[in-house]
Amino acid sequence: MKYQVLLLLLSILALGVNGLAPQQQYLITYPKDAPQSDLDDFKHAITAAGGQILHEYELIKGFVVKASAQALDTIHTLSQQHAPTIEEDQTVTAQDQGL
């Protein structure tokens, strides 16, 4: 697993996304059977790429990050067995907002 993290960091540096691309908020969720080490590796890779972990959920295996789309794409391609779901963070309402 350490080798994958090193490869990931080198890939991110090679892409030149270390703070150059605009950052947005994303919701990252993992399957229930994903080991905690996968989440920890992903979080470490995000912070190494200049991103931030903004919130960690307790009821689901997930967290909110602020990072560039390129960094997330690179990291997602390295996740093989327990691939995370990555979606742009957005506001969800239960009532009509009168638009």
PDB file of N, CA and C in Angstrom:
ATOM      1  N   MET A   1       0.832  -1.198   0.000  1.00  0.00           N
ATOM      2  CA  MET A   1       0.000   0.000   0.000  1.00  0.00           C
ATOM      3  C   MET A   1       0.870   1.252   0.000  1.00  0.00           C
ATOM      4  N   LYS A   2       2.017   1.205   0.688  1.00  0.00           N
ATOM      5  CA  LYS A   2       2.919   2.359   0.712  1.00  0.00           C
ATOM      6  C   LYS A   2       3.411   2.677  -0.702  1.00  0.00           C
ATOM      7  N   TYR A   3       3.661   1.641  -1.490  1.00  0.00           N
ATOM      8  CA  TYR A   3       4.111   1.826  -2.865  1.00  0.00           C
ATOM      9  C   TYR A   3       3.052   2.561  -3.673  1.00  0.00           C
ATOM     10  N   GLN A   4       1.770   2.224  -3.467  1.00  0.00           N
ATOM     11  CA  GLN A   4       0.685   2.892  -4.189  1.00  0.00           C
ATOM     12  C   GLN A   4       0.609   4.367  -3.824  1.00  0.00           C
ATOM     13  N   VAL A   5       0.806   4.678  -2.554  1.00  0.00           N
ATOM     14  CA  VAL A   5       0.753   6.076  -2.126  1.00  0.00           C
ATOM     15  C   VAL A   5       1.895   6.854  -2.764  1.00  0.00           C
ATOM     16  N   LEU A   6       3.095   6.267  -2.797  1.00  0.00           N
ATOM     17  CA  LEU A   6       4.222   6.923  -3.429  1.00  0.00           C
ATOM     18  C   LEU A   6       3.964   7.140  -4.923  1.00  0.00           C
ATOM     19  N   LEU A   7       3.437   6.127  -5.581  1.00  0.00           N
ATOM     20  CA  LEU A   7       3.106   6.243  -6.996  1.00  0.00           C
ATOM     21  C   LEU A   7       2.060   7.323  -7.225  1.00  0.00           C
ATOM     22  N   LEU A   8       1.087   7.375  -6.340  1.00  0.00           N
ATOM     23  CA  LEU A   8       0.043   8.389  -6.433  1.00  0.00           C
ATOM     24  C   LEU A   8       0.619   9.796  -6.311  1.00  0.00           C
ATOM     25  N   LEU A   9       1.476   9.994  -5.332  1.00  0.00           N
ATOM     26  CA  LEU A   9       2.063  11.316  -5.137  1.00  0.00           C
ATOM     27  C   LEU A   9       2.908  11.732  -6.334  1.00  0.00           C
ATOM     28  N   LEU A  10       3.653  10.797  -6.884  1.00  0.00           N
ATOM     29  CA  LEU A  10       4.449  11.113  -8.069  1.00  0.00           C
ATOM     30  C   LEU A  10       3.561  11.436  -9.269  1.00  0.00           C
ATOM     31  N   SER A  11       2.444  10.725  -9.389  1.00  0.00           N
ATOM     32  CA  SER A  11       1.515  10.991 -10.493  1.00  0.00           C
ATOM     33  C   SER A  11       0.919  12.385 -10.385  1.00  0.00           C
ATOM     34  N   ILE A  12       0.557  12.763  -9.181  1.00  0.00           N
ATOM     35  CA  ILE A  12      -0.036  14.086  -8.973  1.00  0.00           C
ATOM     36  C   ILE A  12       0.982  15.179  -9.291  1.00  0.00           C
ATOM     37  N   LEU A  13       2.205  14.990  -8.851  1.00  0.00           N
ATOM     38  CA  LEU A  13       3.235  15.976  -9.149  1.00  0.00           C
ATOM     39  C   LEU A  13       3.505  16.050 -10.651  1.00  0.00           C
ATOM     40  N   ALA A  14       3.478  14.918 -11.322  1.00  0.00           N
ATOM     41  CA  ALA A  14       3.715  14.893 -12.761  1.00  0.00           C
ATOM     42  C   ALA A  14       2.618  15.616 -13.524  1.00  0.00           C
ATOM     43  N   LEU A  15       1.411  15.563 -13.031  1.00  0.00           N
ATOM     44  CA  LEU A  15       0.308  16.251 -13.695  1.00  0.00           C
ATOM     45  C   LEU A  15       0.339  17.759 -13.462  1.00  0.00           C
ATOM     46  N   GLY A  16       1.092  18.174 -12.469  1.00  0.00           N
ATOM     47  CA  GLY A  16       1.179  19.603 -12.194  1.00  0.00           C
ATOM     48  C   GLY A  16      -0.061  20.155 -11.530  1.00  0.00           C
ATOM     49  N   VAL A  17      -0.754  19.343 -10.743  1.00  0.00           N
ATOM     50  CA  VAL A  17      -1.986  19.801 -10.106  1.00  0.00           C
ATOM     51  C   VAL A  17      -1.747  20.231  -8.670  1.00  0.00           C
ATOM     52  N   ASN A  18      -0.534  20.339  -8.288  1.00  0.00           N
ATOM     53  CA  ASN A  18      -0.216  20.673  -6.904  1.00  0.00           C
ATOM     54  C   ASN A  18      -0.522  22.144  -6.617  1.00  0.00           C
ATOM     55  N   GLY A  19      -1.800  22.493  -6.566  1.00  0.00           N
ATOM     56  CA  GLY A  19      -2.222  23.845  -6.255  1.00  0.00           C
ATOM     57  C   GLY A  19      -2.469  24.717  -7.473  1.00  0.00           C
ATOM     58  N   LEU A  20      -2.275  24.209  -8.681  1.00  0.00           N
ATOM     59  CA  LEU A  20      -2.455  25.022  -9.870  1.00  0.00           C
ATOM     60  C   LEU A  20      -3.888  25.030 -10.379  1.00  0.00           C
ATOM     61  N   ALA A  21      -4.605  23.957 -10.208  1.00  0.00           N
ATOM     62  CA  ALA A  21      -5.970  23.848 -10.708  1.00  0.00           C
ATOM     63  C   ALA A  21      -6.951  24.390  -9.666  1.00  0.00           C
ATOM     64  N   PRO A  22      -8.092  24.923 -10.116  1.00  0.00           N
ATOM     65  CA  PRO A  22      -9.082  25.413  -9.155  1.00  0.00           C
ATOM     66  C   PRO A  22      -9.634  24.273  -8.300  1.00  0.00           C
ATOM     67  N   GLN A  23      -9.883  24.562  -7.046  1.00  0.00           N
ATOM     68  CA  GLN A  23     -10.385  23.549  -6.127  1.00  0.00           C
ATOM     69  C   GLN A  23     -11.870  23.751  -5.869  1.00  0.00           C
ATOM     70  N   GLN A  24     -12.573  22.633  -5.751  1.00  0.00           N
ATOM     71  CA  GLN A  24     -13.992  22.639  -5.419  1.00  0.00           C
ATOM     72  C   GLN A  24     -14.224  21.615  -4.314  1.00  0.00           C
ATOM     73  N   GLN A  25     -15.423  21.637  -3.730  1.00  0.00           N
ATOM     74  CA  GLN A  25     -15.771  20.669  -2.695  1.00  0.00           C
ATOM     75  C   GLN A  25     -16.396  19.430  -3.328  1.00  0.00           C
ATOM     76  N   TYR A  26     -15.973  18.254  -2.827  1.00  0.00           N
ATOM     77  CA  TYR A  26     -16.478  16.973  -3.313  1.00  0.00           C
ATOM     78  C   TYR A  26     -16.826  16.081  -2.137  1.00  0.00           C
ATOM     79  N   LEU A  27     -17.856  15.281  -2.319  1.00  0.00           N
ATOM     80  CA  LEU A  27     -18.258  14.270  -1.349  1.00  0.00           C
ATOM     81  C   LEU A  27     -17.665  12.940  -1.799  1.00  0.00           C
ATOM     82  N   ILE A  28     -16.904  12.306  -0.942  1.00  0.00           N
ATOM     83  CA  ILE A  28     -16.259  11.026  -1.229  1.00  0.00           C
ATOM     84  C   ILE A  28     -16.886   9.977  -0.326  1.00  0.00           C
ATOM     85  N   THR A  29     -17.448   8.923  -0.914  1.00  0.00           N
ATOM     86  CA  THR A  29     -18.002   7.830  -0.116  1.00  0.00           C
ATOM     87  C   THR A  29     -17.417   6.512  -0.588  1.00  0.00           C
ATOM     88  N   TYR A  30     -17.262   5.596   0.356  1.00  0.00           N
ATOM     89  CA  TYR A  30     -16.706   4.271   0.090  1.00  0.00           C
ATOM     90  C   TYR A  30     -17.745   3.203   0.396  1.00  0.00           C
ATOM     91  N   PRO A  31     -17.628   2.023  -0.237  1.00  0.00           N
ATOM     92  CA  PRO A  31     -18.510   0.903   0.104  1.00  0.00           C
ATOM     93  C   PRO A  31     -18.315   0.502   1.564  1.00  0.00           C
ATOM     94  N   LYS A  32     -19.334  -0.127   2.137  1.00  0.00           N
ATOM     95  CA  LYS A  32     -19.282  -0.530   3.547  1.00  0.00           C
ATOM     96  C   LYS A  32     -18.122  -1.465   3.853  1.00  0.00           C
ATOM     97  N   ASP A  33     -17.741  -2.295   2.877  1.00  0.00           N
ATOM     98  CA  ASP A  33     -16.684  -3.278   3.131  1.00  0.00           C
ATOM     99  C   ASP A  33     -15.279  -2.745   2.866  1.00  0.00           C
ATOM    100  N   ALA A  34     -15.150  -1.480   2.530  1.00  0.00           N
ATOM    101  CA  ALA A  34     -13.826  -0.895   2.285  1.00  0.00           C
ATOM    102  C   ALA A  34     -13.065  -0.795   3.606  1.00  0.00           C
ATOM    103  N   PRO A  35     -11.807  -1.204   3.624  1.00  0.00           N
ATOM    104  CA  PRO A  35     -11.028  -1.100   4.859  1.00  0.00           C
ATOM    105  C   PRO A  35     -10.679   0.348   5.186  1.00  0.00           C
ATOM    106  N   GLN A  36     -10.525   0.631   6.451  1.00  0.00           N
ATOM    107  CA  GLN A  36     -10.193   1.989   6.896  1.00  0.00           C
ATOM    108  C   GLN A  36      -8.886   2.469   6.274  1.00  0.00           C
ATOM    109  N   SER A  37      -7.968   1.550   5.979  1.00  0.00           N
ATOM    110  CA  SER A  37      -6.687   1.944   5.385  1.00  0.00           C
ATOM    111  C   SER A  37      -6.874   2.593   4.017  1.00  0.00           C
ATOM    112  N   ASP A  38      -7.894   2.149   3.245  1.00  0.00           N
ATOM    113  CA  ASP A  38      -8.166   2.777   1.952  1.00  0.00           C
ATOM    114  C   ASP A  38      -8.581   4.241   2.131  1.00  0.00           C
ATOM    115  N   LEU A  39      -9.448   4.493   3.114  1.00  0.00           N
ATOM    116  CA  LEU A  39      -9.880   5.861   3.378  1.00  0.00           C
ATOM    117  C   LEU A  39      -8.705   6.713   3.840  1.00  0.00           C
ATOM    118  N   ASP A  40      -7.888   6.155   4.716  1.00  0.00           N
ATOM    119  CA  ASP A  40      -6.729   6.896   5.218  1.00  0.00           C
ATOM    120  C   ASP A  40      -5.753   7.233   4.092  1.00  0.00           C
ATOM    121  N   ASP A  41      -5.517   6.272   3.189  1.00  0.00           N
ATOM    122  CA  ASP A  41      -4.623   6.519   2.052  1.00  0.00           C
ATOM    123  C   ASP A  41      -5.171   7.620   1.153  1.00  0.00           C
ATOM    124  N   PHE A  42      -6.484   7.590   0.898  1.00  0.00           N
ATOM    125  CA  PHE A  42      -7.106   8.596   0.050  1.00  0.00           C
ATOM    126  C   PHE A  42      -6.986   9.977   0.688  1.00  0.00           C
ATOM    127  N   LYS A  43      -7.259  10.067   1.989  1.00  0.00           N
ATOM    128  CA  LYS A  43      -7.174  11.354   2.682  1.00  0.00           C
ATOM    129  C   LYS A  43      -5.741  11.883   2.673  1.00  0.00           C
ATOM    130  N   HIS A  44      -4.793  10.986   2.871  1.00  0.00           N
ATOM    131  CA  HIS A  44      -3.387  11.392   2.844  1.00  0.00           C
ATOM    132  C   HIS A  44      -3.017  11.923   1.458  1.00  0.00           C
ATOM    133  N   ALA A  45      -3.472  11.247   0.420  1.00  0.00           N
ATOM    134  CA  ALA A  45      -3.168  11.675  -0.948  1.00  0.00           C
ATOM    135  C   ALA A  45      -3.791  13.035  -1.266  1.00  0.00           C
ATOM    136  N   ILE A  46      -4.999  13.275  -0.767  1.00  0.00           N
ATOM    137  CA  ILE A  46      -5.658  14.568  -0.986  1.00  0.00           C
ATOM    138  C   ILE A  46      -4.848  15.693  -0.350  1.00  0.00           C
ATOM    139  N   THR A  47      -4.447  15.516   0.897  1.00  0.00           N
ATOM    140  CA  THR A  47      -3.689  16.573   1.563  1.00  0.00           C
ATOM    141  C   THR A  47      -2.306  16.749   0.925  1.00  0.00           C
ATOM    142  N   ALA A  48      -1.705  15.655   0.452  1.00  0.00           N
ATOM    143  CA  ALA A  48      -0.403  15.746  -0.218  1.00  0.00           C
ATOM    144  C   ALA A  48      -0.519  16.502  -1.537  1.00  0.00           C
ATOM    145  N   ALA A  49      -1.698  16.464  -2.153  1.00  0.00           N
ATOM    146  CA  ALA A  49      -1.918  17.164  -3.428  1.00  0.00           C
ATOM    147  C   ALA A  49      -2.364  18.610  -3.210  1.00  0.00           C
ATOM    148  N   GLY A  50      -2.347  19.070  -1.962  1.00  0.00           N
ATOM    149  CA  GLY A  50      -2.725  20.454  -1.681  1.00  0.00           C
ATOM    150  C   GLY A  50      -4.191  20.634  -1.351  1.00  0.00           C
ATOM    151  N   GLY A  51      -4.942  19.534  -1.225  1.00  0.00           N
ATOM    152  CA  GLY A  51      -6.360  19.609  -0.878  1.00  0.00           C
ATOM    153  C   GLY A  51      -6.571  19.617   0.632  1.00  0.00           C
ATOM    154  N   GLN A  52      -7.833  19.704   1.025  1.00  0.00           N
ATOM    155  CA  GLN A  52      -8.194  19.738   2.445  1.00  0.00           C
ATOM    156  C   GLN A  52      -9.318  18.756   2.718  1.00  0.00           C
ATOM    157  N   ILE A  53      -9.289  18.154   3.889  1.00  0.00           N
ATOM    158  CA  ILE A  53     -10.414  17.349   4.374  1.00  0.00           C
ATOM    159  C   ILE A  53     -11.273  18.308   5.197  1.00  0.00           C
ATOM    160  N   LEU A  54     -12.508  18.557   4.749  1.00  0.00           N
ATOM    161  CA  LEU A  54     -13.363  19.543   5.418  1.00  0.00           C
ATOM    162  C   LEU A  54     -14.277  18.926   6.464  1.00  0.00           C
ATOM    163  N   HIS A  55     -14.715  17.685   6.232  1.00  0.00           N
ATOM    164  CA  HIS A  55     -15.636  17.035   7.173  1.00  0.00           C
ATOM    165  C   HIS A  55     -15.539  15.526   7.002  1.00  0.00           C
ATOM    166  N   GLU A  56     -15.591  14.802   8.110  1.00  0.00           N
ATOM    167  CA  GLU A  56     -15.615  13.340   8.072  1.00  0.00           C
ATOM    168  C   GLU A  56     -16.925  12.861   8.675  1.00  0.00           C
ATOM    169  N   TYR A  57     -17.593  11.947   7.982  1.00  0.00           N
ATOM    170  CA  TYR A  57     -18.864  11.405   8.447  1.00  0.00           C
ATOM    171  C   TYR A  57     -18.631  10.199   9.338  1.00  0.00           C
ATOM    172  N   GLU A  58     -19.547   9.977  10.277  1.00  0.00           N
ATOM    173  CA  GLU A  58     -19.444   8.842  11.176  1.00  0.00           C
ATOM    174  C   GLU A  58     -20.417   7.721  10.810  1.00  0.00           C
ATOM    175  N   LEU A  59     -21.577   8.053  10.258  1.00  0.00           N
ATOM    176  CA  LEU A  59     -22.574   7.035   9.940  1.00  0.00           C
ATOM    177  C   LEU A  59     -22.297   6.323   8.624  1.00  0.00           C
ATOM    178  N   ILE A  60     -21.587   6.985   7.735  1.00  0.00           N
ATOM    179  CA  ILE A  60     -21.206   6.375   6.463  1.00  0.00           C
ATOM    180  C   ILE A  60     -19.692   6.480   6.328  1.00  0.00           C
ATOM    181  N   LYS A  61     -19.127   5.671   5.465  1.00  0.00           N
ATOM    182  CA  LYS A  61     -17.692   5.756   5.203  1.00  0.00           C
ATOM    183  C   LYS A  61     -17.484   6.831   4.154  1.00  0.00           C
ATOM    184  N   GLY A  62     -17.289   8.061   4.629  1.00  0.00           N
ATOM    185  CA  GLY A  62     -17.135   9.145   3.686  1.00  0.00           C
ATOM    186  C   GLY A  62     -16.645  10.415   4.336  1.00  0.00           C
ATOM    187  N   PHE A  63     -16.338  11.382   3.488  1.00  0.00           N
ATOM    188  CA  PHE A  63     -15.847  12.669   3.941  1.00  0.00           C
ATOM    189  C   PHE A  63     -15.998  13.678   2.815  1.00  0.00           C
ATOM    190  N   VAL A  64     -15.884  14.967   3.158  1.00  0.00           N
ATOM    191  CA  VAL A  64     -15.956  16.052   2.188  1.00  0.00           C
ATOM    192  C   VAL A  64     -14.548  16.632   2.060  1.00  0.00           C
ATOM    193  N   VAL A  65     -14.124  16.833   0.813  1.00  0.00           N
ATOM    194  CA  VAL A  65     -12.801  17.384   0.562  1.00  0.00           C
ATOM    195  C   VAL A  65     -12.906  18.627  -0.310  1.00  0.00           C
ATOM    196  N   LYS A  66     -11.874  19.440  -0.252  1.00  0.00           N
ATOM    197  CA  LYS A  66     -11.722  20.552  -1.188  1.00  0.00           C
ATOM    198  C   LYS A  66     -10.438  20.264  -1.948  1.00  0.00           C
ATOM    199  N   ALA A  67     -10.579  19.995  -3.247  1.00  0.00           N
ATOM    200  CA  ALA A  67      -9.425  19.605  -4.062  1.00  0.00           C
ATOM    201  C   ALA A  67      -9.724  19.887  -5.524  1.00  0.00           C
ATOM    202  N   SER A  68      -8.711  19.769  -6.347  1.00  0.00           N
ATOM    203  CA  SER A  68      -8.904  19.954  -7.783  1.00  0.00           C
ATOM    204  C   SER A  68      -9.496  18.679  -8.384  1.00  0.00           C
ATOM    205  N   ALA A  69     -10.247  18.832  -9.449  1.00  0.00           N
ATOM    206  CA  ALA A  69     -10.843  17.685 -10.133  1.00  0.00           C
ATOM    207  C   ALA A  69      -9.763  16.765 -10.690  1.00  0.00           C
ATOM    208  N   GLN A  70      -8.663  17.332 -11.151  1.00  0.00           N
ATOM    209  CA  GLN A  70      -7.579  16.526 -11.705  1.00  0.00           C
ATOM    210  C   GLN A  70      -6.956  15.632 -10.633  1.00  0.00           C
ATOM    211  N   ALA A  71      -6.771  16.170  -9.439  1.00  0.00           N
ATOM    212  CA  ALA A  71      -6.201  15.372  -8.353  1.00  0.00           C
ATOM    213  C   ALA A  71      -7.134  14.216  -8.003  1.00  0.00           C
ATOM    214  N   LEU A  72      -8.435  14.488  -7.955  1.00  0.00           N
ATOM    215  CA  LEU A  72      -9.396  13.432  -7.632  1.00  0.00           C
ATOM    216  C   LEU A  72      -9.438  12.362  -8.716  1.00  0.00           C
ATOM    217  N   ASP A  73      -9.368  12.771  -9.981  1.00  0.00           N
ATOM    218  CA  ASP A  73      -9.353  11.801 -11.079  1.00  0.00           C
ATOM    219  C   ASP A  73      -8.145  10.881 -10.978  1.00  0.00           C
ATOM    220  N   THR A  74      -7.002  11.458 -10.696  1.00  0.00           N
ATOM    221  CA  THR A  74      -5.774  10.666 -10.578  1.00  0.00           C
ATOM    222  C   THR A  74      -5.876   9.678  -9.425  1.00  0.00           C
ATOM    223  N   ILE A  75      -6.343  10.146  -8.297  1.00  0.00           N
ATOM    224  CA  ILE A  75      -6.456   9.288  -7.125  1.00  0.00           C
ATOM    225  C   ILE A  75      -7.499   8.193  -7.359  1.00  0.00           C
ATOM    226  N   HIS A  76      -8.608   8.547  -7.999  1.00  0.00           N
ATOM    227  CA  HIS A  76      -9.673   7.571  -8.243  1.00  0.00           C
ATOM    228  C   HIS A  76      -9.192   6.437  -9.147  1.00  0.00           C
ATOM    229  N   THR A  77      -8.354   6.735 -10.119  1.00  0.00           N
ATOM    230  CA  THR A  77      -7.878   5.690 -11.031  1.00  0.00           C
ATOM    231  C   THR A  77      -6.962   4.700 -10.333  1.00  0.00           C
ATOM    232  N   LEU A  78      -6.352   5.094  -9.223  1.00  0.00           N
ATOM    233  CA  LEU A  78      -5.476   4.177  -8.500  1.00  0.00           C
ATOM    234  C   LEU A  78      -6.238   3.290  -7.521  1.00  0.00           C
ATOM    235  N   SER A  79      -7.489   3.623  -7.220  1.00  0.00           N
ATOM    236  CA  SER A  79      -8.305   2.794  -6.336  1.00  0.00           C
ATOM    237  C   SER A  79      -8.853   1.629  -7.141  1.00  0.00           C
ATOM    238  N   GLN A  80      -8.505   0.420  -6.759  1.00  0.00           N
ATOM    239  CA  GLN A  80      -8.881  -0.724  -7.568  1.00  0.00           C
ATOM    240  C   GLN A  80     -10.020  -1.534  -6.951  1.00  0.00           C
ATOM    241  N   GLN A  81      -9.802  -2.099  -5.800  1.00  0.00           N
ATOM    242  CA  GLN A  81     -10.782  -3.027  -5.247  1.00  0.00           C
ATOM    243  C   GLN A  81     -11.990  -2.315  -4.631  1.00  0.00           C
ATOM    244  N   HIS A  82     -11.755  -1.256  -3.880  1.00  0.00           N
ATOM    245  CA  HIS A  82     -12.837  -0.538  -3.200  1.00  0.00           C
ATOM    246  C   HIS A  82     -12.884   0.893  -3.716  1.00  0.00           C
ATOM    247  N   ALA A  83     -13.323   1.054  -4.938  1.00  0.00           N
ATOM    248  CA  ALA A  83     -13.335   2.379  -5.566  1.00  0.00           C
ATOM    249  C   ALA A  83     -14.347   3.291  -4.882  1.00  0.00           C
ATOM    250  N   PRO A  84     -13.946   4.511  -4.570  1.00  0.00           N
ATOM    251  CA  PRO A  84     -14.874   5.454  -3.950  1.00  0.00           C
ATOM    252  C   PRO A  84     -15.819   6.078  -4.970  1.00  0.00           C
ATOM    253  N   THR A  85     -16.947   6.556  -4.481  1.00  0.00           N
ATOM    254  CA  THR A  85     -17.850   7.365  -5.289  1.00  0.00           C
ATOM    255  C   THR A  85     -17.479   8.814  -5.026  1.00  0.00           C
ATOM    256  N   ILE A  86     -17.254   9.561  -6.090  1.00  0.00           N
ATOM    257  CA  ILE A  86     -16.858  10.969  -5.965  1.00  0.00           C
ATOM    258  C   ILE A  86     -17.897  11.823  -6.672  1.00  0.00           C
ATOM    259  N   GLU A  87     -18.494  12.753  -5.927  1.00  0.00           N
ATOM    260  CA  GLU A  87     -19.477  13.649  -6.535  1.00  0.00           C
ATOM    261  C   GLU A  87     -19.287  15.052  -5.984  1.00  0.00           C
ATOM    262  N   GLU A  88     -19.597  16.022  -6.819  1.00  0.00           N
ATOM    263  CA  GLU A  88     -19.464  17.405  -6.390  1.00  0.00           C
ATOM    264  C   GLU A  88     -20.438  17.684  -5.255  1.00  0.00           C
ATOM    265  N   ASP A  89     -19.948  18.327  -4.205  1.00  0.00           N
ATOM    266  CA  ASP A  89     -20.779  18.654  -3.049  1.00  0.00           C
ATOM    267  C   ASP A  89     -21.782  19.728  -3.464  1.00  0.00           C
ATOM    268  N   GLN A  90     -23.036  19.555  -3.045  1.00  0.00           N
ATOM    269  CA  GLN A  90     -24.066  20.522  -3.402  1.00  0.00           C
ATOM    270  C   GLN A  90     -25.136  20.562  -2.328  1.00  0.00           C
ATOM    271  N   THR A  91     -25.924  21.605  -2.343  1.00  0.00           N
ATOM    272  CA  THR A  91     -27.010  21.750  -1.391  1.00  0.00           C
ATOM    273  C   THR A  91     -28.216  20.959  -1.871  1.00  0.00           C
ATOM    274  N   VAL A  92     -28.812  20.200  -0.955  1.00  0.00           N
ATOM    275  CA  VAL A  92     -30.011  19.410  -1.268  1.00  0.00           C
ATOM    276  C   VAL A  92     -31.118  19.878  -0.338  1.00  0.00           C
ATOM    277  N   THR A  93     -32.305  20.156  -0.907  1.00  0.00           N
ATOM    278  CA  THR A  93     -33.435  20.594  -0.096  1.00  0.00           C
ATOM    279  C   THR A  93     -34.599  19.634  -0.262  1.00  0.00           C
ATOM    280  N   ALA A  94     -35.446  19.613   0.764  1.00  0.00           N
ATOM    281  CA  ALA A  94     -36.625  18.742   0.729  1.00  0.00           C
ATOM    282  C   ALA A  94     -37.882  19.503   0.329  1.00  0.00           C
ATOM    283  N   GLN A  95     -37.784  20.804   0.193  1.00  0.00           N
ATOM    284  CA  GLN A  95     -38.943  21.609  -0.149  1.00  0.00           C
ATOM    285  C   GLN A  95     -38.659  22.411  -1.411  1.00  0.00           C
ATOM    286  N   ASP A  96     -39.716  22.767  -2.113  1.00  0.00           N
ATOM    287  CA  ASP A  96     -39.622  23.607  -3.293  1.00  0.00           C
ATOM    288  C   ASP A  96     -39.104  24.973  -2.886  1.00  0.00           C
ATOM    289  N   GLN A  97     -38.118  25.472  -3.581  1.00  0.00           N
ATOM    290  CA  GLN A  97     -37.537  26.763  -3.257  1.00  0.00           C
ATOM    291  C   GLN A  97     -38.196  27.922  -3.997  1.00  0.00           C
ATOM    292  N   GLY A  98     -39.286  27.640  -4.734  1.00  0.00           N
ATOM    293  CA  GLY A  98     -40.021  28.690  -5.414  1.00  0.00           C
ATOM    294  C   GLY A  98     -39.314  29.247  -6.624  1.00  0.00           C
ATOM    295  N   LEU A  99     -38.544  28.422  -7.285  1.00  0.00           N
ATOM    296  CA  LEU A  99     -37.816  28.891  -8.467  1.00  0.00           C
ATOM    297  C   LEU A  99     -38.735  28.909  -9.591  1.00  0.00           C
TER     298      LEU A  99
END
